Structures are given as structure tokens and as C-alpha cells.
Amino acid sequence: MSTSDEARRALEAVYARVEARTADISGSHDWWPCRRGCDHCCRHLAAPLPLTQLEWSYLEEGLQQLSAEVLEEIHARADALARQEARPYTCPLLNLETGACRVYAHRPLACRSYGFAAARDGGLFCHFILDLVGKHGDADIVWANQDALEDAVARLSGATRPLPEWFTETRHSAPRKLDPST
């Protein structure tokens, strides 16, 4: 087994921990807004999504499943995002018509944990959650630890870079197959 296989499995294990935490929170609180149909965070990013090299490789697998036309649109939106000077930022992976992520199964940690995690400097969630937690309370909510999650992913493949930088470096003109040996 290669080191890249081990790193991928470790990344998937981190993602599985996040999925378990998010399922527990949203399953225990029918008022929780983070579910299919809510795309507020995707349309109001504070900054372009941060991804490590390993997360980008994982995301590329989802991109490979898209049509050339959709990839072209995503790439154009990523290029525009790179030039955008003020927030809010809209994720280029979001289908603007349906409000759904085009690569949902391959989305990075930032997308998986947003709305369900807290960090040393506060919660990572939108005003909808703040309002609802103010109304319903959060004494029974076990928030994910964003700092620990980010550290775990960084140990696998280093520092993050903004999503538009990955697109600039790797042009997607048409779906392609990745060499599994790299």
C-alpha cells in the first residue's frame, strides 16, 4: 500500500468523523438549517475555500465526473473569484440554479464542517444557526473541534491554499483520468 493510499484513507476517516458529528447534530435537532436546500454558506463565503493538496486531489475526482461544459463554467467562476476583492464570495462549485454542490461527495473539510464546528476563536457558522441556537439552546450540542480537524488534515498533506489557486494551477478543459500511481 502506498503512502498516498494511506493518506487518502486517513482523509476519508477525518471526513467520516465530521459526517458522524453532523449527522448527530442535525438528526437530534429538526430545526438545524444545514441540510439539502440551504446554500447560504456557499453563497456567502468569508474567504475562498482553503484546501490542502490531498483535498484538492480528492476534489478533482468529483470534478472528473462533470461535463466539459460544467467544468468550463466552474473554472470561469474560480477565475472570477480569484480576482474578487470583497466578500461575500460565492463558491464556484455551487450550482446557482439548484443551490446544490456539484461535487458534494468530494467537498473539502471546510464545507463538511461549517455549521457544525467551533474553533478557538469562536464558532464556524452563519447567523441562521446563531439565531436558532439562541432560540433553542445548545447545551446538548457536541460541536466538532475545527482546530483538531484542520490539524489532522494538515498533517496529511501540509498547508492549505485557496480554491482558485488550485484551479489556476490545474486547468480542467475536459474530464480526465488521474494516474493512480501519483
Protein backbone atom coordinates (compact mmCIF):
# COMPACT_ATOMS: atom_id res chain seq x y z
CA MET A 1 0.00 0.00 0.00
CA SER A 2 1.36 3.39 -0.98
CA THR A 3 1.72 6.43 1.23
CA SER A 4 -0.84 8.24 -0.93
CA ASP A 5 -3.35 5.42 -0.32
CA GLU A 6 -2.75 5.68 3.42
CA ALA A 7 -3.15 9.46 3.33
CA ARG A 8 -6.36 9.17 1.34
CA ARG A 9 -7.79 6.65 3.82
CA ALA A 10 -6.78 8.93 6.69
CA LEU A 11 -8.50 11.89 4.97
CA GLU A 12 -11.62 9.79 4.44
CA ALA A 13 -11.51 8.86 8.15
CA VAL A 14 -11.45 12.56 9.10
CA TYR A 15 -14.34 13.18 6.72
CA ALA A 16 -16.24 10.22 8.26
CA ARG A 17 -15.79 11.70 11.75
CA VAL A 18 -17.19 15.00 10.51
CA GLU A 19 -20.11 13.23 8.80
CA ALA A 20 -20.91 11.36 12.04
CA ARG A 21 -20.86 14.60 14.05
CA THR A 22 -23.01 16.48 11.52
CA ALA A 23 -25.49 13.59 11.31
CA ASP A 24 -25.75 13.53 15.10
CA ILE A 25 -26.35 17.27 15.39
CA SER A 26 -28.82 17.61 12.53
CA GLY A 27 -30.54 14.32 13.40
CA SER A 28 -31.07 15.41 17.00
CA HIS A 29 -32.29 18.89 16.12
CA ASP A 30 -35.00 19.04 13.48
CA TRP A 31 -34.63 22.83 13.46
CA TRP A 32 -30.99 22.66 12.28
CA PRO A 33 -30.73 24.55 8.97
CA CYS A 34 -27.69 22.78 7.47
CA ARG A 35 -29.20 20.29 5.08
CA ARG A 36 -30.08 19.96 1.42
CA GLY A 37 -31.78 23.13 0.27
CA CYS A 38 -29.75 25.53 2.38
CA ASP A 39 -26.91 27.05 0.40
CA HIS A 40 -26.42 30.23 2.42
CA CYS A 41 -22.82 29.46 3.39
CA CYS A 42 -21.96 28.54 -0.22
CA ARG A 43 -23.23 31.93 -1.40
CA HIS A 44 -21.69 33.94 1.46
CA LEU A 45 -18.15 32.65 1.99
CA ALA A 46 -15.94 34.82 4.18
CA ALA A 47 -12.97 33.75 2.03
CA PRO A 48 -12.33 31.36 -0.85
CA LEU A 49 -12.31 27.74 0.35
CA PRO A 50 -8.98 26.52 1.76
CA LEU A 51 -7.77 23.11 0.55
CA THR A 52 -4.65 21.03 1.08
CA GLN A 53 -3.01 19.15 -1.79
CA LEU A 54 -4.71 15.94 -0.67
CA GLU A 55 -8.12 17.61 -0.51
CA TRP A 56 -7.58 19.06 -3.99
CA SER A 57 -6.76 15.59 -5.35
CA TYR A 58 -9.91 14.24 -3.72
CA LEU A 59 -11.96 17.12 -5.13
CA GLU A 60 -10.52 16.51 -8.59
CA GLU A 61 -12.14 13.08 -8.58
CA GLY A 62 -15.51 14.78 -8.31
CA LEU A 63 -14.60 17.31 -10.99
CA GLN A 64 -13.70 14.47 -13.37
CA GLN A 65 -17.31 13.29 -13.23
CA LEU A 66 -18.62 16.59 -14.60
CA SER A 67 -19.17 17.54 -18.21
CA ALA A 68 -16.67 19.73 -20.04
CA GLU A 69 -19.29 22.49 -20.16
CA VAL A 70 -19.82 22.45 -16.39
CA LEU A 71 -16.07 22.32 -15.77
CA GLU A 72 -15.63 25.35 -18.00
CA GLU A 73 -18.27 27.26 -16.02
CA ILE A 74 -16.69 26.27 -12.69
CA HIS A 75 -13.25 27.28 -13.91
CA ALA A 76 -14.52 30.67 -15.12
CA ARG A 77 -16.19 31.26 -11.75
CA ALA A 78 -13.00 30.22 -9.91
CA ASP A 79 -11.01 32.68 -12.03
CA ALA A 80 -13.51 35.44 -11.22
CA LEU A 81 -13.33 34.52 -7.54
CA ALA A 82 -9.54 34.86 -7.62
CA ARG A 83 -9.93 38.45 -8.84
CA GLN A 84 -12.76 39.37 -6.46
CA GLU A 85 -11.63 41.87 -3.86
CA ALA A 86 -14.50 41.92 -1.37
CA ARG A 87 -16.80 39.40 0.21
CA PRO A 88 -19.20 37.76 0.20
CA TYR A 89 -17.69 35.16 -2.07
CA THR A 90 -19.79 32.51 -3.81
CA CYS A 91 -18.35 29.04 -4.19
CA PRO A 92 -17.66 28.22 -7.85
CA LEU A 93 -18.69 24.60 -7.21
CA LEU A 94 -22.26 25.62 -6.37
CA ASN A 95 -24.96 25.06 -8.96
CA LEU A 96 -26.53 28.51 -8.79
CA GLU A 97 -29.87 27.29 -10.14
CA THR A 98 -30.42 24.33 -7.80
CA GLY A 99 -28.37 25.50 -4.82
CA ALA A 100 -26.60 22.12 -4.71
CA CYS A 101 -22.89 21.41 -4.67
CA ARG A 102 -21.76 19.84 -7.92
CA VAL A 103 -19.10 17.77 -6.16
CA TYR A 104 -20.86 17.17 -2.83
CA ALA A 105 -19.32 13.74 -2.17
CA HIS A 106 -15.86 15.20 -2.82
CA ARG A 107 -16.21 18.54 -1.00
CA PRO A 108 -13.35 19.67 1.28
CA LEU A 109 -13.24 19.80 5.07
CA ALA A 110 -14.27 23.46 5.24
CA CYS A 111 -17.58 22.61 3.55
CA ARG A 112 -18.18 19.45 5.57
CA SER A 113 -17.62 21.07 8.97
CA TYR A 114 -19.06 24.56 8.50
CA GLY A 115 -22.16 24.96 10.62
CA PHE A 116 -21.18 22.12 12.95
CA ALA A 117 -17.82 23.15 14.37
CA ALA A 118 -16.25 25.50 16.84
CA ALA A 119 -12.67 26.77 16.92
CA ARG A 120 -10.52 28.58 19.46
CA ASP A 121 -11.67 31.90 18.09
CA GLY A 122 -15.38 31.03 18.04
CA GLY A 123 -17.99 29.13 16.12
CA LEU A 124 -17.88 28.47 12.42
CA PHE A 125 -21.48 29.01 11.48
CA CYS A 126 -23.84 31.53 9.98
CA HIS A 127 -26.36 33.87 11.54
CA PHE A 128 -29.17 31.35 10.94
CA ILE A 129 -27.52 28.95 13.37
CA LEU A 130 -26.78 31.72 15.87
CA ASP A 131 -30.44 32.76 15.81
CA LEU A 132 -31.71 29.19 16.15
CA VAL A 133 -29.24 28.28 18.90
CA GLY A 134 -30.31 31.46 20.70
CA LYS A 135 -33.91 30.27 20.47
CA HIS A 136 -33.40 26.55 21.19
CA GLY A 137 -30.13 26.50 23.16
CA ASP A 138 -27.02 24.45 22.56
CA ALA A 139 -26.45 22.71 25.89
CA ASP A 140 -26.92 19.29 24.27
CA ILE A 141 -24.88 20.03 21.13
CA VAL A 142 -21.43 18.50 20.90
CA TRP A 143 -19.66 20.75 18.41
CA ALA A 144 -16.90 19.37 16.22
CA ASN A 145 -13.44 20.72 17.05
CA GLN A 146 -12.42 22.62 13.91
CA ASP A 147 -8.86 23.22 15.07
CA ALA A 148 -8.29 19.48 15.60
CA LEU A 149 -9.89 18.63 12.25
CA GLU A 150 -7.75 21.17 10.38
CA ASP A 151 -4.62 19.94 12.16
CA ALA A 152 -5.42 16.34 11.23
CA VAL A 153 -5.84 17.21 7.55
CA ALA A 154 -2.75 19.46 7.53
CA ARG A 155 -0.65 16.60 8.97
CA LEU A 156 -1.68 14.52 5.96
CA SER A 157 -0.66 16.96 3.25
CA GLY A 158 0.51 20.30 4.55
CA ALA A 159 -0.80 23.81 4.36
CA THR A 160 -3.93 24.94 2.59
CA ARG A 161 -4.25 27.15 -0.47
CA PRO A 162 -7.37 28.96 -1.68
CA LEU A 163 -9.52 27.03 -4.15
CA PRO A 164 -8.93 29.48 -7.04
CA GLU A 165 -5.17 28.87 -6.81
CA TRP A 166 -5.70 25.14 -7.36
CA PHE A 167 -7.81 25.86 -10.42
CA THR A 168 -5.20 28.24 -11.79
CA GLU A 169 -2.52 25.61 -11.37
CA THR A 170 -4.57 22.75 -12.79
CA ARG A 171 -6.68 23.60 -15.81
CA HIS A 172 -9.71 21.39 -16.43
CA SER A 173 -10.55 21.60 -20.10
CA ALA A 174 -12.33 18.24 -20.12
CA PRO A 175 -12.79 15.33 -17.73
CA ARG A 176 -9.59 13.32 -17.48
CA LYS A 177 -8.40 10.29 -15.58
CA LEU A 178 -5.81 10.76 -12.87
CA ASP A 179 -2.82 8.48 -12.83
CA PRO A 180 -3.46 6.30 -9.73
CA SER A 181 0.29 5.89 -9.17
CA THR A 182 0.74 9.59 -8.37
